[in-house]
N, C-alpha and C. Protein backbone atom coordinates (compact mmCIF):
# COMPACT_ATOMS: atom_id res chain seq x y z
N MET A 1 122.79 102.66 98.98
CA MET A 1 122.00 101.16 98.56
C MET A 1 122.83 100.07 98.68
N THR A 2 123.15 99.16 98.93
CA THR A 2 123.79 98.02 99.01
C THR A 2 123.08 97.01 97.81
N SER A 3 121.73 97.12 97.34
CA SER A 3 121.14 96.60 96.42
C SER A 3 121.51 96.65 95.35
N ASN A 4 121.82 95.68 94.35
CA ASN A 4 122.12 95.82 93.02
C ASN A 4 120.96 96.23 92.26
N LYS A 5 120.88 96.37 90.73
CA LYS A 5 120.12 97.37 89.97
C LYS A 5 119.00 96.35 89.92
N LYS A 6 119.28 95.36 89.80
CA LYS A 6 118.19 94.13 89.61
C LYS A 6 117.19 93.94 90.29
N GLU A 7 118.04 93.74 91.82
CA GLU A 7 117.36 93.54 92.74
C GLU A 7 116.18 95.39 93.15
N LYS A 8 116.92 96.46 92.62
CA LYS A 8 116.20 97.64 92.82
C LYS A 8 114.63 97.35 91.77
N GLN A 9 114.75 97.19 90.66
CA GLN A 9 113.81 96.99 89.79
C GLN A 9 113.09 96.46 90.18
N ASN A 10 112.97 95.31 91.10
CA ASN A 10 111.98 94.39 91.97
C ASN A 10 111.30 95.05 93.37
N LEU A 11 111.75 95.69 93.41
CA LEU A 11 111.29 96.74 95.15
C LEU A 11 109.86 96.81 95.28
N PRO A 12 109.43 97.38 94.34
CA PRO A 12 107.43 97.04 94.85
C PRO A 12 107.22 95.15 94.77
N GLU A 13 107.77 94.93 93.73
CA GLU A 13 107.07 92.90 94.18
C GLU A 13 107.64 92.71 95.81
N LEU A 14 109.15 92.64 96.02
CA LEU A 14 109.04 92.96 97.31
C LEU A 14 108.41 93.35 98.37
N ILE A 15 108.00 94.62 98.13
CA ILE A 15 107.11 95.41 99.12
C ILE A 15 105.65 94.31 98.89
N LEU A 16 105.02 94.56 98.20
CA LEU A 16 104.15 93.90 98.07
C LEU A 16 103.91 92.45 98.65
N LYS A 17 105.48 91.32 98.33
CA LYS A 17 105.23 90.22 99.57
C LYS A 17 105.54 90.96 100.43
N ILE A 18 106.17 91.47 101.38
CA ILE A 18 106.14 91.40 102.00
C ILE A 18 104.71 92.02 103.26
N LEU A 19 104.46 92.72 102.36
CA LEU A 19 103.00 93.51 102.77
C LEU A 19 101.87 91.96 103.01
N ASP A 20 102.03 91.49 101.73
CA ASP A 20 100.92 90.52 102.15
C ASP A 20 100.94 89.20 103.01
N GLU A 21 102.67 89.31 102.64
CA GLU A 21 102.96 88.21 104.42
C GLU A 21 102.54 88.45 105.67
N GLY A 22 101.91 89.71 106.02
CA GLY A 22 101.91 90.94 107.07
C GLY A 22 100.47 90.49 107.67
N LYS A 23 99.53 90.24 106.11
CA LYS A 23 98.02 90.17 106.23
C LYS A 23 97.96 91.63 105.66
N ALA A 24 98.27 92.26 105.28
CA ALA A 24 97.70 93.84 104.70
C ALA A 24 96.59 93.59 103.79
N ASN A 25 95.56 94.48 103.67
CA ASN A 25 94.52 94.02 103.47
C ASN A 25 94.45 95.21 102.09
N ASN A 26 94.21 95.06 101.00
CA ASN A 26 93.46 96.18 99.81
C ASN A 26 94.81 96.44 99.44
N ILE A 27 96.00 95.84 99.48
CA ILE A 27 97.08 96.03 98.77
C ILE A 27 96.87 96.14 97.03
N LEU A 28 97.03 97.86 97.07
CA LEU A 28 97.10 98.44 95.75
C LEU A 28 98.61 99.36 94.71
N MET A 29 99.88 98.47 93.64
CA MET A 29 100.06 99.73 93.29
C MET A 29 100.10 99.87 92.11
N ILE A 30 100.64 101.57 91.74
CA ILE A 30 100.53 102.07 91.13
C ILE A 30 101.20 102.52 90.40
N ASP A 31 101.58 102.09 89.17
CA ASP A 31 102.68 102.64 88.46
C ASP A 31 103.08 103.96 88.02
N LEU A 32 103.86 104.95 88.63
CA LEU A 32 104.01 106.19 88.37
C LEU A 32 105.29 106.35 87.28
N LYS A 33 105.49 105.36 87.10
CA LYS A 33 106.82 105.49 86.02
C LYS A 33 106.32 106.19 84.47
N GLY A 34 107.19 107.70 84.59
CA GLY A 34 106.61 108.59 83.38
C GLY A 34 106.04 109.66 83.51
N LYS A 35 105.17 109.44 85.10
CA LYS A 35 103.37 110.35 85.35
C LYS A 35 104.55 111.02 86.14
N THR A 36 105.25 111.28 87.04
CA THR A 36 106.22 111.79 87.91
C THR A 36 107.08 111.66 88.10
N SER A 37 107.91 112.65 88.58
CA SER A 37 109.44 112.47 89.34
C SER A 37 109.39 112.02 90.53
N LEU A 38 108.22 111.84 90.98
CA LEU A 38 108.48 111.65 92.33
C LEU A 38 109.16 110.42 93.11
N THR A 39 108.79 109.59 92.28
CA THR A 39 108.65 108.33 92.37
C THR A 39 107.73 106.86 91.42
N ASP A 40 108.48 106.03 91.25
CA ASP A 40 108.51 105.12 90.20
C ASP A 40 106.98 104.00 90.66
N ALA A 41 107.09 104.01 91.77
CA ALA A 41 105.67 102.93 92.24
C ALA A 41 105.00 103.58 94.07
N LEU A 42 103.55 103.90 93.67
CA LEU A 42 102.98 104.13 95.09
C LEU A 42 102.52 103.12 95.52
N ILE A 43 102.36 102.38 96.53
CA ILE A 43 102.24 101.37 97.05
C ILE A 43 101.08 101.54 98.15
N ILE A 44 99.63 101.15 98.51
CA ILE A 44 98.78 101.54 99.14
C ILE A 44 98.16 100.29 100.04
N ALA A 45 98.05 100.40 101.31
CA ALA A 45 97.39 98.93 102.05
C ALA A 45 97.01 99.48 103.25
N SER A 46 96.07 98.39 103.75
CA SER A 46 95.12 98.62 104.71
C SER A 46 95.41 97.77 105.79
N GLY A 47 95.49 98.49 106.97
CA GLY A 47 95.48 97.26 108.03
C GLY A 47 95.02 97.02 108.92
N THR A 48 94.41 96.46 109.81
CA THR A 48 92.90 96.19 110.89
C THR A 48 92.57 96.82 111.32
N SER A 49 94.06 97.53 112.11
CA SER A 49 93.91 97.93 113.08
C SER A 49 94.82 99.02 113.62
N SER A 50 94.88 100.02 114.51
CA SER A 50 96.18 100.63 114.43
C SER A 50 97.69 99.71 115.16
N ARG A 51 97.38 98.93 115.93
CA ARG A 51 98.84 98.22 115.73
C ARG A 51 98.90 97.45 115.02
N HIS A 52 98.11 96.88 113.82
CA HIS A 52 98.20 96.35 112.61
C HIS A 52 99.20 96.88 111.65
N VAL A 53 98.53 97.81 111.59
CA VAL A 53 99.06 99.56 110.42
C VAL A 53 100.42 100.16 111.07
N LEU A 54 100.98 99.83 112.35
CA LEU A 54 102.59 99.99 112.52
C LEU A 54 103.44 98.82 112.44
N ALA A 55 102.60 97.54 112.71
CA ALA A 55 103.18 96.14 112.43
C ALA A 55 104.02 95.87 111.65
N LEU A 56 102.79 96.12 110.33
CA LEU A 56 103.33 96.39 108.96
C LEU A 56 103.97 97.50 108.12
N ALA A 57 104.41 98.49 108.94
CA ALA A 57 105.00 99.38 108.70
C ALA A 57 106.47 98.57 109.10
N THR A 58 106.51 98.45 110.66
CA THR A 58 107.79 98.32 111.26
C THR A 58 108.41 97.11 110.35
N GLN A 59 107.58 96.32 110.29
CA GLN A 59 107.91 95.26 109.75
C GLN A 59 108.85 95.34 108.44
N LEU A 60 107.90 95.77 107.39
CA LEU A 60 108.55 96.42 106.40
C LEU A 60 109.75 97.36 106.58
N HIS A 61 109.53 97.87 107.12
CA HIS A 61 110.61 99.01 107.22
C HIS A 61 112.24 98.50 107.47
N GLU A 62 111.81 97.44 108.92
CA GLU A 62 113.13 96.22 109.32
C GLU A 62 113.42 95.24 107.82
N LYS A 63 112.47 94.64 107.58
CA LYS A 63 113.12 93.84 106.15
C LYS A 63 113.76 94.20 104.85
N LEU A 64 113.09 95.42 105.19
CA LEU A 64 114.30 96.25 103.72
C LEU A 64 115.10 96.72 104.08
N LYS A 65 115.51 97.23 105.13
CA LYS A 65 116.61 97.94 105.98
C LYS A 65 117.26 96.83 106.04
N ASP A 66 117.35 95.77 106.33
CA ASP A 66 118.24 94.33 106.35
C ASP A 66 118.81 93.97 105.09
N MET A 67 117.82 94.08 103.80
CA MET A 67 118.60 94.22 103.19
C MET A 67 119.12 94.94 102.13
N GLY A 68 119.56 96.08 102.87
CA GLY A 68 120.07 97.16 102.48
C GLY A 68 119.99 98.00 102.04
N TYR A 69 117.93 98.21 101.77
CA TYR A 69 117.54 99.68 101.83
C TYR A 69 117.47 100.61 102.36
N HIS A 70 117.18 102.05 102.66
CA HIS A 70 117.37 102.70 103.78
C HIS A 70 116.08 103.94 103.49
N PRO A 71 114.95 102.64 104.13
CA PRO A 71 113.34 103.63 103.50
C PRO A 71 113.25 104.43 105.43
N LYS A 72 112.66 105.63 104.73
CA LYS A 72 112.27 106.39 105.63
C LYS A 72 111.17 106.35 106.19
N MET A 73 110.58 106.66 107.71
CA MET A 73 109.29 106.33 107.80
C MET A 73 108.88 107.51 108.48
N ASP A 74 107.30 107.76 108.71
CA ASP A 74 106.81 108.86 109.19
C ASP A 74 105.57 108.37 109.31
N GLY A 75 105.16 108.70 110.91
CA GLY A 75 104.01 108.25 111.30
C GLY A 75 104.29 107.20 112.44
N ARG A 76 105.32 106.66 112.45
CA ARG A 76 105.21 105.43 113.96
C ARG A 76 105.14 105.98 114.77
N GLN A 77 105.35 107.47 115.28
CA GLN A 77 104.92 107.81 116.64
C GLN A 77 103.90 108.06 116.87
N GLY A 78 103.04 107.79 115.35
CA GLY A 78 101.25 108.56 115.47
C GLY A 78 100.59 107.39 116.23
N SER A 79 99.15 107.69 115.89
CA SER A 79 97.83 107.15 116.67
C SER A 79 98.31 105.79 116.08
N GLY A 80 98.46 105.59 114.52
CA GLY A 80 98.89 103.96 113.41
C GLY A 80 97.17 104.15 112.46
N ASP A 81 97.20 105.48 112.50
CA ASP A 81 96.26 105.54 111.84
C ASP A 81 96.71 105.21 110.15
N TRP A 82 97.67 106.26 109.95
CA TRP A 82 98.42 106.50 108.88
C TRP A 82 100.27 106.57 108.92
N VAL A 83 100.71 105.41 108.47
CA VAL A 83 102.40 105.64 108.14
C VAL A 83 102.75 105.33 106.96
N ILE A 84 104.08 106.67 106.78
CA ILE A 84 104.40 106.14 105.56
C ILE A 84 105.98 106.11 105.41
N LEU A 85 106.14 104.98 104.28
CA LEU A 85 107.38 104.76 103.85
C LEU A 85 108.15 104.88 102.84
N ASP A 86 109.29 105.78 102.58
CA ASP A 86 109.52 106.70 101.12
C ASP A 86 111.20 105.63 101.05
N LEU A 87 110.82 104.95 99.50
CA LEU A 87 112.15 104.16 99.43
C LEU A 87 112.99 104.72 98.50
N GLY A 88 112.13 106.25 97.51
CA GLY A 88 112.82 106.79 96.50
C GLY A 88 111.92 106.39 95.36
N ASP A 89 112.05 105.04 95.17
CA ASP A 89 111.69 104.50 94.20
C ASP A 89 110.48 104.16 94.00
N ALA A 90 110.12 103.75 95.36
CA ALA A 90 108.74 102.86 96.17
C ALA A 90 108.40 104.38 97.31
N ILE A 91 107.05 104.79 97.33
CA ILE A 91 106.58 105.29 98.25
C ILE A 91 105.17 104.65 98.57
N VAL A 92 105.08 104.07 100.07
CA VAL A 92 104.22 102.93 100.78
C VAL A 92 103.19 104.02 101.81
N HIS A 93 102.13 103.67 101.99
CA HIS A 93 101.18 104.03 102.38
C HIS A 93 100.60 103.34 103.02
N ILE A 94 100.23 103.09 104.32
CA ILE A 94 99.81 101.96 105.06
C ILE A 94 98.67 102.30 106.19
N PHE A 95 97.26 102.49 105.57
CA PHE A 95 96.05 102.99 106.48
C PHE A 95 95.39 102.03 107.78
N GLN A 96 94.88 102.86 108.53
CA GLN A 96 93.38 102.20 108.77
C GLN A 96 92.23 102.03 108.21
N PRO A 97 91.51 101.70 107.67
CA PRO A 97 90.65 101.62 106.88
C PRO A 97 89.67 102.53 106.68
N GLU A 98 89.50 103.31 107.59
CA GLU A 98 88.61 104.38 107.82
C GLU A 98 89.50 105.72 107.31
N THR A 99 90.67 105.69 107.30
CA THR A 99 91.40 106.69 107.17
C THR A 99 91.77 106.92 105.50
N ARG A 100 91.92 105.31 105.70
CA ARG A 100 91.69 105.73 103.73
C ARG A 100 90.84 106.04 102.55
N SER A 101 90.15 105.49 103.16
CA SER A 101 88.72 106.13 102.70
C SER A 101 88.60 107.39 102.95
N PHE A 102 88.97 107.74 103.77
CA PHE A 102 89.09 109.24 104.49
C PHE A 102 89.33 110.17 102.95
N TYR A 103 90.97 110.00 103.04
CA TYR A 103 91.70 110.68 102.15
C TYR A 103 91.87 110.26 100.34
N GLU A 104 91.30 108.64 100.45
CA GLU A 104 90.88 108.56 99.19
C GLU A 104 92.36 108.72 98.11
N ILE A 105 93.54 108.98 98.50
CA ILE A 105 95.00 109.07 97.72
C ILE A 105 95.16 107.98 96.37
N GLU A 106 94.45 107.03 96.13
CA GLU A 106 94.30 106.34 94.88
C GLU A 106 93.65 107.41 94.06
N ALA A 107 92.74 107.95 94.04
CA ALA A 107 91.82 109.08 93.52
C ALA A 107 92.27 110.24 92.62
N LEU A 108 93.95 110.32 93.36
CA LEU A 108 94.88 111.62 92.77
C LEU A 108 95.23 110.54 91.22
N TRP A 109 95.49 109.65 91.38
CA TRP A 109 96.04 108.88 90.22
C TRP A 109 95.20 107.83 89.18
N GLY A 110 93.45 108.69 89.76
CA GLY A 110 92.69 107.85 88.70
C GLY A 110 92.47 105.93 89.10
N GLU A 111 92.77 106.00 90.66
CA GLU A 111 91.88 104.38 90.89
C GLU A 111 91.04 104.60 92.07
N LYS A 112 90.21 103.77 92.22
CA LYS A 112 89.52 103.79 93.28
C LYS A 112 90.16 103.21 94.29
N THR A 113 89.35 103.35 95.46
CA THR A 113 89.70 103.14 96.73
C THR A 113 88.45 102.04 97.37
N PRO A 114 89.34 100.71 97.61
CA PRO A 114 88.62 100.07 97.94
C PRO A 114 87.58 100.43 99.18
N LEU A 115 86.50 99.58 98.86
CA LEU A 115 85.21 99.55 100.03
C LEU A 115 85.92 99.39 101.44
N VAL A 116 85.66 100.02 102.80
CA VAL A 116 86.18 99.68 103.92
C VAL A 116 84.93 98.16 104.37
């Protein structure tokens, strides 16, 4: 990874900014430091359609890659209901609203899923 430690600490903020610029809805960040060894931050957002979900994921992937991060993405080849990006220190889930309401992954961490 080419980013320095200061930039790495700001990764969740950077992700939030990129998602906001892409007009993601109901963006939620859950701080998981000290709660799990899996990741430090879980970021969940919704797109308005399958096309929007895929566009948000692609935009996030490309911008972070250009900054020296190495995101792994799963779901890009699917229907656009749910895409996951794993950056190690942060995991990003981008859903269509109905899929997000169905899975309610926020509830695993004691957070409420926004209403569709």
